PDB file of N, CA and C in Angstrom:
ATOM      1  N   UNK A   1     153.959 -39.855 -45.085  1.00  0.00           N
ATOM      2  CA  UNK A   1     152.540 -40.100 -45.162  1.00  0.00           C
ATOM      3  C   UNK A   1     152.314 -41.611 -45.181  1.00  0.00           C
ATOM      4  N   UNK A   2     151.351 -42.046 -44.415  1.00  0.00           N
ATOM      5  CA  UNK A   2     151.028 -43.465 -44.380  1.00  0.00           C
ATOM      6  C   UNK A   2     150.295 -43.880 -45.647  1.00  0.00           C
ATOM      7  N   UNK A   3     150.384 -45.158 -45.966  1.00  0.00           N
ATOM      8  CA  UNK A   3     149.743 -45.687 -47.176  1.00  0.00           C
ATOM      9  C   UNK A   3     148.236 -45.465 -47.154  1.00  0.00           C
ATOM     10  N   UNK A   4     147.586 -45.680 -46.008  1.00  0.00           N
ATOM     11  CA  UNK A   4     146.136 -45.500 -45.933  1.00  0.00           C
ATOM     12  C   UNK A   4     145.750 -44.039 -46.159  1.00  0.00           C
ATOM     13  N   UNK A   5     146.583 -43.099 -45.677  1.00  0.00           N
ATOM     14  CA  UNK A   5     146.320 -41.684 -45.916  1.00  0.00           C
ATOM     15  C   UNK A   5     146.448 -41.354 -47.400  1.00  0.00           C
ATOM     16  N   UNK A   6     147.495 -41.885 -48.017  1.00  0.00           N
ATOM     17  CA  UNK A   6     147.710 -41.662 -49.443  1.00  0.00           C
ATOM     18  C   UNK A   6     146.529 -42.196 -50.259  1.00  0.00           C
ATOM     19  N   UNK A   7     146.061 -43.381 -49.924  1.00  0.00           N
ATOM     20  CA  UNK A   7     144.937 -43.978 -50.642  1.00  0.00           C
ATOM     21  C   UNK A   7     143.666 -43.154 -50.473  1.00  0.00           C
ATOM     22  N   UNK A   8     143.430 -42.648 -49.268  1.00  0.00           N
ATOM     23  CA  UNK A   8     142.247 -41.806 -49.049  1.00  0.00           C
ATOM     24  C   UNK A   8     142.340 -40.515 -49.833  1.00  0.00           C
ATOM     25  N   UNK A   9     143.525 -39.906 -49.870  1.00  0.00           N
ATOM     26  CA  UNK A   9     143.694 -38.670 -50.644  1.00  0.00           C
ATOM     27  C   UNK A   9     143.451 -38.917 -52.124  1.00  0.00           C
ATOM     28  N   UNK A  10     143.893 -40.056 -52.620  1.00  0.00           N
ATOM     29  CA  UNK A  10     143.666 -40.410 -54.020  1.00  0.00           C
ATOM     30  C   UNK A  10     142.169 -40.564 -54.289  1.00  0.00           C
ATOM     31  N   UNK A  11     141.454 -41.202 -53.365  1.00  0.00           N
ATOM     32  CA  UNK A  11     139.999 -41.342 -53.506  1.00  0.00           C
ATOM     33  C   UNK A  11     139.325 -39.969 -53.496  1.00  0.00           C
ATOM     34  N   UNK A  12     139.774 -39.080 -52.613  1.00  0.00           N
ATOM     35  CA  UNK A  12     139.198 -37.740 -52.541  1.00  0.00           C
ATOM     36  C   UNK A  12     139.435 -36.972 -53.842  1.00  0.00           C
ATOM     37  N   UNK A  13     140.601 -37.154 -54.438  1.00  0.00           N
ATOM     38  CA  UNK A  13     140.904 -36.471 -55.694  1.00  0.00           C
ATOM     39  C   UNK A  13     139.911 -36.898 -56.776  1.00  0.00           C
ATOM     40  N   UNK A  14     139.607 -38.177 -56.845  1.00  0.00           N
ATOM     41  CA  UNK A  14     138.631 -38.674 -57.822  1.00  0.00           C
ATOM     42  C   UNK A  14     137.241 -38.101 -57.532  1.00  0.00           C
ATOM     43  N   UNK A  15     136.855 -38.060 -56.268  1.00  0.00           N
ATOM     44  CA  UNK A  15     135.552 -37.513 -55.896  1.00  0.00           C
ATOM     45  C   UNK A  15     135.463 -36.028 -56.230  1.00  0.00           C
ATOM     46  N   UNK A  16     136.565 -35.308 -56.015  1.00  0.00           N
ATOM     47  CA  UNK A  16     136.566 -33.877 -56.331  1.00  0.00           C
ATOM     48  C   UNK A  16     136.335 -33.631 -57.820  1.00  0.00           C
ATOM     49  N   UNK A  17     136.899 -34.477 -58.667  1.00  0.00           N
ATOM     50  CA  UNK A  17     136.680 -34.327 -60.105  1.00  0.00           C
ATOM     51  C   UNK A  17     135.209 -34.551 -60.434  1.00  0.00           C
ATOM     52  N   UNK A  18     134.579 -35.538 -59.794  1.00  0.00           N
ATOM     53  CA  UNK A  18     133.145 -35.760 -60.004  1.00  0.00           C
ATOM     54  C   UNK A  18     132.342 -34.527 -59.589  1.00  0.00           C
ATOM     55  N   UNK A  19     132.685 -33.960 -58.443  1.00  0.00           N
ATOM     56  CA  UNK A  19     132.004 -32.756 -57.956  1.00  0.00           C
ATOM     57  C   UNK A  19     132.239 -31.609 -58.933  1.00  0.00           C
ATOM     58  N   UNK A  20     133.469 -31.475 -59.402  1.00  0.00           N
ATOM     59  CA  UNK A  20     133.806 -30.394 -60.325  1.00  0.00           C
ATOM     60  C   UNK A  20     133.004 -30.492 -61.616  1.00  0.00           C
ATOM     61  N   UNK A  21     132.874 -31.689 -62.149  1.00  0.00           N
ATOM     62  CA  UNK A  21     132.099 -31.875 -63.375  1.00  0.00           C
ATOM     63  C   UNK A  21     130.659 -31.414 -63.161  1.00  0.00           C
ATOM     64  N   UNK A  22     130.091 -31.736 -62.020  1.00  0.00           N
ATOM     65  CA  UNK A  22     128.721 -31.325 -61.725  1.00  0.00           C
ATOM     66  C   UNK A  22     128.626 -29.810 -61.538  1.00  0.00           C
ATOM     67  N   UNK A  23     129.577 -29.234 -60.795  1.00  0.00           N
ATOM     68  CA  UNK A  23     129.535 -27.796 -60.529  1.00  0.00           C
ATOM     69  C   UNK A  23     129.768 -26.960 -61.785  1.00  0.00           C
ATOM     70  N   UNK A  24     130.544 -27.470 -62.714  1.00  0.00           N
ATOM     71  CA  UNK A  24     130.863 -26.706 -63.917  1.00  0.00           C
ATOM     72  C   UNK A  24     129.725 -26.726 -64.938  1.00  0.00           C
ATOM     73  N   UNK A  25     128.758 -27.576 -64.768  1.00  0.00           N
ATOM     74  CA  UNK A  25     127.658 -27.685 -65.713  1.00  0.00           C
ATOM     75  C   UNK A  25     126.718 -26.485 -65.555  1.00  0.00           C
ATOM     76  N   UNK A  26     126.642 -25.601 -66.553  1.00  0.00           N
ATOM     77  CA  UNK A  26     125.774 -24.424 -66.442  1.00  0.00           C
ATOM     78  C   UNK A  26     124.296 -24.775 -66.274  1.00  0.00           C
ATOM     79  N   UNK A  27     123.905 -25.975 -66.679  1.00  0.00           N
ATOM     80  CA  UNK A  27     122.510 -26.381 -66.476  1.00  0.00           C
ATOM     81  C   UNK A  27     122.163 -26.489 -64.999  1.00  0.00           C
ATOM     82  N   UNK A  28     123.175 -26.637 -64.139  1.00  0.00           N
ATOM     83  CA  UNK A  28     122.941 -26.763 -62.706  1.00  0.00           C
ATOM     84  C   UNK A  28     122.978 -25.422 -61.973  1.00  0.00           C
ATOM     85  N   UNK A  29     123.283 -24.341 -62.681  1.00  0.00           N
ATOM     86  CA  UNK A  29     123.385 -23.030 -62.040  1.00  0.00           C
ATOM     87  C   UNK A  29     122.007 -22.396 -61.880  1.00  0.00           C
ATOM     88  N   UNK A  30     121.843 -21.603 -60.827  1.00  0.00           N
ATOM     89  CA  UNK A  30     120.578 -20.883 -60.654  1.00  0.00           C
ATOM     90  C   UNK A  30     120.306 -19.982 -61.868  1.00  0.00           C
ATOM     91  N   UNK A  31     119.061 -19.883 -62.246  1.00  0.00           N
ATOM     92  CA  UNK A  31     118.671 -19.009 -63.347  1.00  0.00           C
ATOM     93  C   UNK A  31     118.927 -19.607 -64.716  1.00  0.00           C
ATOM     94  N   UNK A  32     119.169 -20.909 -64.779  1.00  0.00           N
ATOM     95  CA  UNK A  32     119.430 -21.543 -66.079  1.00  0.00           C
ATOM     96  C   UNK A  32     118.255 -21.293 -67.027  1.00  0.00           C
ATOM     97  N   UNK A  33     118.567 -20.813 -68.210  1.00  0.00           N
ATOM     98  CA  UNK A  33     117.539 -20.572 -69.220  1.00  0.00           C
ATOM     99  C   UNK A  33     116.851 -19.228 -69.095  1.00  0.00           C
ATOM    100  N   UNK A  34     117.228 -18.438 -68.097  1.00  0.00           N
ATOM    101  CA  UNK A  34     116.622 -17.121 -67.902  1.00  0.00           C
ATOM    102  C   UNK A  34     117.612 -16.064 -68.373  1.00  0.00           C
ATOM    103  N   UNK A  35     117.131 -15.113 -69.153  1.00  0.00           N
ATOM    104  CA  UNK A  35     118.003 -14.022 -69.594  1.00  0.00           C
ATOM    105  C   UNK A  35     118.497 -13.243 -68.375  1.00  0.00           C
ATOM    106  N   UNK A  36     119.772 -12.858 -68.373  1.00  0.00           N
ATOM    107  CA  UNK A  36     120.310 -12.130 -67.209  1.00  0.00           C
ATOM    108  C   UNK A  36     119.523 -10.869 -66.857  1.00  0.00           C
ATOM    109  N   UNK A  37     118.996 -10.174 -67.854  1.00  0.00           N
ATOM    110  CA  UNK A  37     118.246  -8.946 -67.549  1.00  0.00           C
ATOM    111  C   UNK A  37     116.872  -9.239 -66.942  1.00  0.00           C
ATOM    112  N   UNK A  38     116.471 -10.500 -66.920  1.00  0.00           N
ATOM    113  CA  UNK A  38     115.179 -10.867 -66.323  1.00  0.00           C
ATOM    114  C   UNK A  38     115.350 -11.548 -64.969  1.00  0.00           C
ATOM    115  N   UNK A  39     116.600 -11.706 -64.511  1.00  0.00           N
ATOM    116  CA  UNK A  39     116.850 -12.336 -63.211  1.00  0.00           C
ATOM    117  C   UNK A  39     116.720 -11.304 -62.101  1.00  0.00           C
ATOM    118  N   UNK A  40     116.229 -11.760 -60.954  1.00  0.00           N
ATOM    119  CA  UNK A  40     116.236 -10.881 -59.797  1.00  0.00           C
ATOM    120  C   UNK A  40     117.634 -10.887 -59.170  1.00  0.00           C
ATOM    121  N   UNK A  41     117.851 -10.004 -58.243  1.00  0.00           N
ATOM    122  CA  UNK A  41     119.177  -9.849 -57.630  1.00  0.00           C
ATOM    123  C   UNK A  41     119.624 -11.134 -56.932  1.00  0.00           C
ATOM    124  N   UNK A  42     118.719 -11.812 -56.268  1.00  0.00           N
ATOM    125  CA  UNK A  42     119.058 -13.047 -55.560  1.00  0.00           C
ATOM    126  C   UNK A  42     119.550 -14.110 -56.541  1.00  0.00           C
ATOM    127  N   UNK A  43     118.852 -14.275 -57.650  1.00  0.00           N
ATOM    128  CA  UNK A  43     119.248 -15.284 -58.642  1.00  0.00           C
ATOM    129  C   UNK A  43     120.591 -14.930 -59.256  1.00  0.00           C
ATOM    130  N   UNK A  44     120.806 -13.648 -59.575  1.00  0.00           N
ATOM    131  CA  UNK A  44     122.107 -13.232 -60.129  1.00  0.00           C
ATOM    132  C   UNK A  44     123.224 -13.509 -59.140  1.00  0.00           C
ATOM    133  N   UNK A  45     122.985 -13.217 -57.872  1.00  0.00           N
ATOM    134  CA  UNK A  45     123.994 -13.465 -56.845  1.00  0.00           C
ATOM    135  C   UNK A  45     124.274 -14.946 -56.668  1.00  0.00           C
ATOM    136  N   UNK A  46     123.212 -15.749 -56.666  1.00  0.00           N
ATOM    137  CA  UNK A  46     123.386 -17.196 -56.543  1.00  0.00           C
ATOM    138  C   UNK A  46     124.126 -17.752 -57.754  1.00  0.00           C
ATOM    139  N   UNK A  47     123.823 -17.211 -58.928  1.00  0.00           N
ATOM    140  CA  UNK A  47     124.491 -17.662 -60.153  1.00  0.00           C
ATOM    141  C   UNK A  47     125.976 -17.296 -60.113  1.00  0.00           C
ATOM    142  N   UNK A  48     126.278 -16.106 -59.620  1.00  0.00           N
ATOM    143  CA  UNK A  48     127.676 -15.685 -59.495  1.00  0.00           C
ATOM    144  C   UNK A  48     128.415 -16.630 -58.553  1.00  0.00           C
ATOM    145  N   UNK A  49     127.796 -16.969 -57.418  1.00  0.00           N
ATOM    146  CA  UNK A  49     128.403 -17.901 -56.467  1.00  0.00           C
ATOM    147  C   UNK A  49     128.611 -19.265 -57.123  1.00  0.00           C
ATOM    148  N   UNK A  50     127.622 -19.699 -57.910  1.00  0.00           N
ATOM    149  CA  UNK A  50     127.724 -20.999 -58.570  1.00  0.00           C
ATOM    150  C   UNK A  50     128.869 -21.025 -59.573  1.00  0.00           C
ATOM    151  N   UNK A  51     129.232 -19.890 -60.118  1.00  0.00           N
ATOM    152  CA  UNK A  51     130.375 -19.810 -61.030  1.00  0.00           C
ATOM    153  C   UNK A  51     131.689 -19.807 -60.255  1.00  0.00           C
ATOM    154  N   UNK A  52     131.706 -19.227 -59.077  1.00  0.00           N
ATOM    155  CA  UNK A  52     132.929 -19.160 -58.276  1.00  0.00           C
ATOM    156  C   UNK A  52     133.255 -20.490 -57.601  1.00  0.00           C
ATOM    157  N   UNK A  53     132.240 -21.255 -57.269  1.00  0.00           N
ATOM    158  CA  UNK A  53     132.470 -22.490 -56.540  1.00  0.00           C
ATOM    159  C   UNK A  53     133.330 -23.494 -57.312  1.00  0.00           C
ATOM    160  N   UNK A  54     133.124 -23.689 -58.625  1.00  0.00           N
ATOM    161  CA  UNK A  54     134.008 -24.611 -59.348  1.00  0.00           C
ATOM    162  C   UNK A  54     135.468 -24.146 -59.352  1.00  0.00           C
ATOM    163  N   UNK A  55     135.681 -22.847 -59.304  1.00  0.00           N
ATOM    164  CA  UNK A  55     137.047 -22.332 -59.251  1.00  0.00           C
ATOM    165  C   UNK A  55     137.718 -22.779 -57.958  1.00  0.00           C
ATOM    166  N   UNK A  56     136.998 -22.697 -56.862  1.00  0.00           N
ATOM    167  CA  UNK A  56     137.539 -23.152 -55.585  1.00  0.00           C
ATOM    168  C   UNK A  56     137.759 -24.661 -55.597  1.00  0.00           C
ATOM    169  N   UNK A  57     136.850 -25.392 -56.217  1.00  0.00           N
ATOM    170  CA  UNK A  57     136.978 -26.853 -56.277  1.00  0.00           C
ATOM    171  C   UNK A  57     138.174 -27.253 -57.123  1.00  0.00           C
ATOM    172  N   UNK A  58     138.374 -26.596 -58.267  1.00  0.00           N
ATOM    173  CA  UNK A  58     139.514 -26.941 -59.123  1.00  0.00           C
ATOM    174  C   UNK A  58     140.825 -26.580 -58.424  1.00  0.00           C
ATOM    175  N   UNK A  59     140.845 -25.497 -57.677  1.00  0.00           N
ATOM    176  CA  UNK A  59     142.042 -25.133 -56.922  1.00  0.00           C
ATOM    177  C   UNK A  59     142.360 -26.205 -55.887  1.00  0.00           C
ATOM    178  N   UNK A  60     141.344 -26.640 -55.173  1.00  0.00           N
ATOM    179  CA  UNK A  60     141.536 -27.697 -54.177  1.00  0.00           C
ATOM    180  C   UNK A  60     141.999 -28.989 -54.844  1.00  0.00           C
ATOM    181  N   UNK A  61     141.387 -29.343 -55.968  1.00  0.00           N
ATOM    182  CA  UNK A  61     141.777 -30.565 -56.681  1.00  0.00           C
ATOM    183  C   UNK A  61     143.225 -30.472 -57.168  1.00  0.00           C
ATOM    184  N   UNK A  62     143.618 -29.305 -57.662  1.00  0.00           N
ATOM    185  CA  UNK A  62     144.987 -29.131 -58.138  1.00  0.00           C
ATOM    186  C   UNK A  62     145.985 -29.258 -56.992  1.00  0.00           C
ATOM    187  N   UNK A  63     145.683 -28.641 -55.874  1.00  0.00           N
ATOM    188  CA  UNK A  63     146.581 -28.736 -54.713  1.00  0.00           C
ATOM    189  C   UNK A  63     146.661 -30.178 -54.204  1.00  0.00           C
ATOM    190  N   UNK A  64     145.527 -30.855 -54.174  1.00  0.00           N
ATOM    191  CA  UNK A  64     145.510 -32.239 -53.726  1.00  0.00           C
ATOM    192  C   UNK A  64     146.316 -33.116 -54.678  1.00  0.00           C
ATOM    193  N   UNK A  65     146.142 -32.913 -55.988  1.00  0.00           N
ATOM    194  CA  UNK A  65     146.915 -33.692 -56.958  1.00  0.00           C
ATOM    195  C   UNK A  65     148.405 -33.377 -56.870  1.00  0.00           C
ATOM    196  N   UNK A  66     148.750 -32.146 -56.562  1.00  0.00           N
ATOM    197  CA  UNK A  66     150.158 -31.799 -56.368  1.00  0.00           C
ATOM    198  C   UNK A  66     150.738 -32.540 -55.171  1.00  0.00           C
ATOM    199  N   UNK A  67     149.977 -32.622 -54.093  1.00  0.00           N
ATOM    200  CA  UNK A  67     150.414 -33.359 -52.908  1.00  0.00           C
ATOM    201  C   UNK A  67     150.585 -34.848 -53.226  1.00  0.00           C
ATOM    202  N   UNK A  68     149.642 -35.398 -53.969  1.00  0.00           N
ATOM    203  CA  UNK A  68     149.727 -36.808 -54.356  1.00  0.00           C
ATOM    204  C   UNK A  68     150.959 -37.040 -55.227  1.00  0.00           C
ATOM    205  N   UNK A  69     151.179 -36.157 -56.213  1.00  0.00           N
ATOM    206  CA  UNK A  69     152.349 -36.304 -57.090  1.00  0.00           C
ATOM    207  C   UNK A  69     153.653 -36.158 -56.311  1.00  0.00           C
ATOM    208  N   UNK A  70     153.698 -35.223 -55.386  1.00  0.00           N
ATOM    209  CA  UNK A  70     154.888 -35.040 -54.568  1.00  0.00           C
ATOM    210  C   UNK A  70     155.166 -36.301 -53.753  1.00  0.00           C
ATOM    211  N   UNK A  71     154.130 -36.877 -53.178  1.00  0.00           N
ATOM    212  CA  UNK A  71     154.298 -38.094 -52.389  1.00  0.00           C
ATOM    213  C   UNK A  71     154.782 -39.242 -53.268  1.00  0.00           C
ATOM    214  N   UNK A  72     154.244 -39.335 -54.469  1.00  0.00           N
ATOM    215  CA  UNK A  72     154.699 -40.382 -55.393  1.00  0.00           C
ATOM    216  C   UNK A  72     156.177 -40.204 -55.735  1.00  0.00           C
ATOM    217  N   UNK A  73     156.588 -38.983 -55.999  1.00  0.00           N
ATOM    218  CA  UNK A  73     157.995 -38.738 -56.337  1.00  0.00           C
ATOM    219  C   UNK A  73     158.902 -39.035 -55.152  1.00  0.00           C
ATOM    220  N   UNK A  74     158.478 -38.661 -53.966  1.00  0.00           N
ATOM    221  CA  UNK A  74     159.306 -38.874 -52.783  1.00  0.00           C
ATOM    222  C   UNK A  74     159.429 -40.348 -52.424  1.00  0.00           C
ATOM    223  N   UNK A  75     158.436 -41.120 -52.782  1.00  0.00           N
ATOM    224  CA  UNK A  75     158.474 -42.539 -52.441  1.00  0.00           C
ATOM    225  C   UNK A  75     158.900 -43.400 -53.626  1.00  0.00           C
ATOM    226  N   UNK A  76     159.332 -42.766 -54.721  1.00  0.00           N
ATOM    227  CA  UNK A  76     159.737 -43.518 -55.915  1.00  0.00           C
ATOM    228  C   UNK A  76     160.970 -44.362 -55.640  1.00  0.00           C
ATOM    229  N   UNK A  77     161.888 -43.870 -54.809  1.00  0.00           N
ATOM    230  CA  UNK A  77     163.094 -44.617 -54.463  1.00  0.00           C
ATOM    231  C   UNK A  77     162.825 -45.416 -53.203  1.00  0.00           C
ATOM    232  N   UNK A  78     162.904 -46.742 -53.258  1.00  0.00           N
ATOM    233  CA  UNK A  78     162.598 -47.558 -52.071  1.00  0.00           C
ATOM    234  C   UNK A  78     163.526 -47.271 -50.896  1.00  0.00           C
ATOM    235  N   UNK A  79     164.705 -46.695 -51.140  1.00  0.00           N
ATOM    236  CA  UNK A  79     165.626 -46.381 -50.049  1.00  0.00           C
ATOM    237  C   UNK A  79     165.354 -45.016 -49.435  1.00  0.00           C
ATOM    238  N   UNK A  80     164.384 -44.294 -50.020  1.00  0.00           N
ATOM    239  CA  UNK A  80     164.038 -42.982 -49.479  1.00  0.00           C
ATOM    240  C   UNK A  80     165.026 -41.909 -49.860  1.00  0.00           C
ATOM    241  N   UNK A  81     165.887 -42.175 -50.810  1.00  0.00           N
ATOM    242  CA  UNK A  81     166.898 -41.201 -51.234  1.00  0.00           C
ATOM    243  C   UNK A  81     166.353 -40.227 -52.247  1.00  0.00           C
ATOM    244  N   UNK A  82     166.879 -40.292 -53.447  1.00  0.00           N
ATOM    245  CA  UNK A  82     166.525 -39.340 -54.494  1.00  0.00           C
ATOM    246  C   UNK A  82     165.072 -39.514 -54.913  1.00  0.00           C
ATOM    247  N   UNK A  83     164.497 -38.433 -55.320  1.00  0.00           N
ATOM    248  CA  UNK A  83     163.127 -38.468 -55.813  1.00  0.00           C
ATOM    249  C   UNK A  83     163.147 -38.717 -57.308  1.00  0.00           C
ATOM    250  N   UNK A  84     162.018 -39.165 -57.838  1.00  0.00           N
ATOM    251  CA  UNK A  84     161.909 -39.399 -59.273  1.00  0.00           C
ATOM    252  C   UNK A  84     162.055 -38.080 -60.013  1.00  0.00           C
ATOM    253  N   UNK A  85     162.622 -38.145 -61.184  1.00  0.00           N
ATOM    254  CA  UNK A  85     162.845 -36.943 -61.981  1.00  0.00           C
ATOM    255  C   UNK A  85     161.598 -36.640 -62.785  1.00  0.00           C
ATOM    256  N   UNK A  86     161.173 -35.391 -62.759  1.00  0.00           N
ATOM    257  CA  UNK A  86     160.043 -34.927 -63.551  1.00  0.00           C
ATOM    258  C   UNK A  86     160.599 -34.311 -64.821  1.00  0.00           C
ATOM    259  N   UNK A  87     160.336 -34.934 -65.962  1.00  0.00           N
ATOM    260  CA  UNK A  87     160.867 -34.450 -67.230  1.00  0.00           C
ATOM    261  C   UNK A  87     160.361 -33.058 -67.583  1.00  0.00           C
ATOM    262  N   UNK A  88     159.231 -32.673 -67.002  1.00  0.00           N
ATOM    263  CA  UNK A  88     158.646 -31.380 -67.327  1.00  0.00           C
ATOM    264  C   UNK A  88     158.994 -30.313 -66.298  1.00  0.00           C
ATOM    265  N   UNK A  89     159.824 -30.666 -65.339  1.00  0.00           N
ATOM    266  CA  UNK A  89     160.165 -29.718 -64.283  1.00  0.00           C
ATOM    267  C   UNK A  89     160.990 -28.570 -64.846  1.00  0.00           C
ATOM    268  N   UNK A  90     160.757 -27.414 -64.288  1.00  0.00           N
ATOM    269  CA  UNK A  90     161.492 -26.230 -64.688  1.00  0.00           C
ATOM    270  C   UNK A  90     162.245 -25.721 -63.472  1.00  0.00           C
ATOM    271  N   UNK A  91     163.323 -25.004 -63.702  1.00  0.00           N
ATOM    272  CA  UNK A  91     164.010 -24.437 -62.554  1.00  0.00           C
ATOM    273  C   UNK A  91     163.076 -23.485 -61.816  1.00  0.00           C
ATOM    274  N   UNK A  92     163.318 -23.339 -60.533  1.00  0.00           N
ATOM    275  CA  UNK A  92     162.477 -22.461 -59.738  1.00  0.00           C
ATOM    276  C   UNK A  92     162.725 -21.027 -60.174  1.00  0.00           C
ATOM    277  N   UNK A  93     161.831 -20.519 -61.004  1.00  0.00           N
ATOM    278  CA  UNK A  93     161.980 -19.163 -61.503  1.00  0.00           C
ATOM    279  C   UNK A  93     160.853 -18.268 -61.010  1.00  0.00           C
ATOM    280  N   UNK A  94     160.408 -18.514 -59.821  1.00  0.00           N
ATOM    281  CA  UNK A  94     159.433 -17.647 -59.184  1.00  0.00           C
ATOM    282  C   UNK A  94     158.044 -17.785 -59.766  1.00  0.00           C
ATOM    283  N   UNK A  95     157.405 -16.651 -59.958  1.00  0.00           N
ATOM    284  CA  UNK A  95     156.013 -16.602 -60.375  1.00  0.00           C
ATOM    285  C   UNK A  95     155.800 -17.220 -61.759  1.00  0.00           C
ATOM    286  N   UNK A  96     156.693 -16.989 -62.692  1.00  0.00           N
ATOM    287  CA  UNK A  96     156.556 -17.547 -64.045  1.00  0.00           C
ATOM    288  C   UNK A  96     156.507 -19.076 -64.001  1.00  0.00           C
ATOM    289  N   UNK A  97     157.395 -19.681 -63.236  1.00  0.00           N
ATOM    290  CA  UNK A  97     157.406 -21.132 -63.105  1.00  0.00           C
ATOM    291  C   UNK A  97     156.132 -21.644 -62.469  1.00  0.00           C
ATOM    292  N   UNK A  98     155.652 -20.944 -61.458  1.00  0.00           N
ATOM    293  CA  UNK A  98     154.410 -21.338 -60.793  1.00  0.00           C
ATOM    294  C   UNK A  98     153.236 -21.252 -61.760  1.00  0.00           C
ATOM    295  N   UNK A  99     153.208 -20.205 -62.572  1.00  0.00           N
ATOM    296  CA  UNK A  99     152.137 -20.047 -63.556  1.00  0.00           C
ATOM    297  C   UNK A  99     152.176 -21.185 -64.568  1.00  0.00           C
ATOM    298  N   UNK A 100     153.366 -21.498 -65.069  1.00  0.00           N
ATOM    299  CA  UNK A 100     153.491 -22.588 -66.046  1.00  0.00           C
ATOM    300  C   UNK A 100     153.076 -23.920 -65.448  1.00  0.00           C
ATOM    301  N   UNK A 101     153.503 -24.182 -64.217  1.00  0.00           N
ATOM    302  CA  UNK A 101     153.117 -25.438 -63.563  1.00  0.00           C
ATOM    303  C   UNK A 101     151.606 -25.503 -63.353  1.00  0.00           C
ATOM    304  N   UNK A 102     151.018 -24.399 -62.945  1.00  0.00           N
ATOM    305  CA  UNK A 102     149.576 -24.345 -62.722  1.00  0.00           C
ATOM    306  C   UNK A 102     148.817 -24.530 -64.029  1.00  0.00           C
ATOM    307  N   UNK A 103     149.302 -23.915 -65.111  1.00  0.00           N
ATOM    308  CA  UNK A 103     148.654 -24.075 -66.411  1.00  0.00           C
ATOM    309  C   UNK A 103     148.703 -25.538 -66.867  1.00  0.00           C
ATOM    310  N   UNK A 104     149.846 -26.186 -66.675  1.00  0.00           N
ATOM    311  CA  UNK A 104     149.966 -27.600 -67.058  1.00  0.00           C
ATOM    312  C   UNK A 104     149.006 -28.462 -66.237  1.00  0.00           C
ATOM    313  N   UNK A 105     148.945 -28.200 -64.942  1.00  0.00           N
ATOM    314  CA  UNK A 105     148.062 -28.963 -64.066  1.00  0.00           C
ATOM    315  C   UNK A 105     146.599 -28.718 -64.449  1.00  0.00           C
ATOM    316  N   UNK A 106     146.239 -27.479 -64.750  1.00  0.00           N
ATOM    317  CA  UNK A 106     144.866 -27.169 -65.162  1.00  0.00           C
ATOM    318  C   UNK A 106     144.528 -27.880 -66.467  1.00  0.00           C
ATOM    319  N   UNK A 107     145.458 -27.908 -67.415  1.00  0.00           N
ATOM    320  CA  UNK A 107     145.227 -28.602 -68.683  1.00  0.00           C
ATOM    321  C   UNK A 107     145.039 -30.097 -68.443  1.00  0.00           C
ATOM    322  N   UNK A 108     145.833 -30.661 -67.539  1.00  0.00           N
ATOM    323  CA  UNK A 108     145.710 -32.082 -67.224  1.00  0.00           C
ATOM    324  C   UNK A 108     144.344 -32.377 -66.595  1.00  0.00           C
ATOM    325  N   UNK A 109     143.916 -31.522 -65.671  1.00  0.00           N
ATOM    326  CA  UNK A 109     142.610 -31.711 -65.040  1.00  0.00           C
ATOM    327  C   UNK A 109     141.480 -31.537 -66.048  1.00  0.00           C
ATOM    328  N   UNK A 110     141.625 -30.557 -66.948  1.00  0.00           N
ATOM    329  CA  UNK A 110     140.608 -30.336 -67.962  1.00  0.00           C
ATOM    330  C   UNK A 110     140.483 -31.558 -68.869  1.00  0.00           C
ATOM    331  N   UNK A 111     141.614 -32.131 -69.266  1.00  0.00           N
ATOM    332  CA  UNK A 111     141.584 -33.348 -70.073  1.00  0.00           C
ATOM    333  C   UNK A 111     140.868 -34.464 -69.332  1.00  0.00           C
ATOM    334  N   UNK A 112     141.144 -34.594 -68.040  1.00  0.00           N
ATOM    335  CA  UNK A 112     140.515 -35.642 -67.228  1.00  0.00           C
ATOM    336  C   UNK A 112     139.001 -35.419 -67.146  1.00  0.00           C
ATOM    337  N   UNK A 113     138.601 -34.166 -66.986  1.00  0.00           N
ATOM    338  CA  UNK A 113     137.179 -33.832 -66.910  1.00  0.00           C
ATOM    339  C   UNK A 113     136.508 -34.121 -68.248  1.00  0.00           C
ATOM    340  N   UNK A 114     137.163 -33.730 -69.327  1.00  0.00           N
ATOM    341  CA  UNK A 114     136.593 -33.956 -70.637  1.00  0.00           C
ATOM    342  C   UNK A 114     136.445 -35.443 -70.945  1.00  0.00           C
ATOM    343  N   UNK A 115     137.403 -36.233 -70.509  1.00  0.00           N
ATOM    344  CA  UNK A 115     137.287 -37.680 -70.692  1.00  0.00           C
ATOM    345  C   UNK A 115     136.106 -38.226 -69.884  1.00  0.00           C
ATOM    346  N   UNK A 116     135.929 -37.694 -68.672  1.00  0.00           N
ATOM    347  CA  UNK A 116     134.832 -38.164 -67.814  1.00  0.00           C
ATOM    348  C   UNK A 116     133.470 -37.794 -68.374  1.00  0.00           C
ATOM    349  N   UNK A 117     133.388 -36.651 -69.076  1.00  0.00           N
ATOM    350  CA  UNK A 117     132.107 -36.200 -69.602  1.00  0.00           C
ATOM    351  C   UNK A 117     131.908 -36.576 -71.059  1.00  0.00           C
ATOM    352  N   UNK A 118     132.948 -37.104 -71.700  1.00  0.00           N
ATOM    353  CA  UNK A 118     132.848 -37.481 -73.103  1.00  0.00           C
ATOM    354  C   UNK A 118     133.052 -36.315 -74.050  1.00  0.00           C
ATOM    355  N   UNK A 119     133.407 -35.160 -73.524  1.00  0.00           N
ATOM    356  CA  UNK A 119     133.659 -33.974 -74.362  1.00  0.00           C
ATOM    357  C   UNK A 119     135.082 -33.999 -74.871  1.00  0.00           C
ATOM    358  N   UNK A 120     135.332 -33.271 -75.944  1.00  0.00           N
ATOM    359  CA  UNK A 120     136.697 -33.143 -76.478  1.00  0.00           C
ATOM    360  C   UNK A 120     137.012 -31.685 -76.691  1.00  0.00           C
ATOM    361  N   UNK A 121     138.302 -31.398 -76.689  1.00  0.00           N
ATOM    362  CA  UNK A 121     138.758 -30.025 -76.923  1.00  0.00           C
ATOM    363  C   UNK A 121     138.824 -29.732 -78.377  1.00  0.00           C
TER     364      UNK A 121
END
């Protein structure tokens, strides 16, 4: 990957977090402040979509951050040989390992979002 591509991907990752913070805010969802039993079908459907969209955004952000991290590890050695060691890496144990890696990445993104919004866990 070229340096300019890497830099653009890094910028996109930051922008995605900004978008995610906005999408996750329930005040921005259709029907805000209206009891669910008083919403019409269109508003309920739009609200459901508004809840699903941040999930897609966080998935995209996680995949993008994984690509960025992979590129950083691959370019850690100036000779292009060994990659940097990840202290948190686990052996490839199939689905369990993928779940653990995804949970760690989600926690990292959540921390980043909370720092951006001033919220704490």
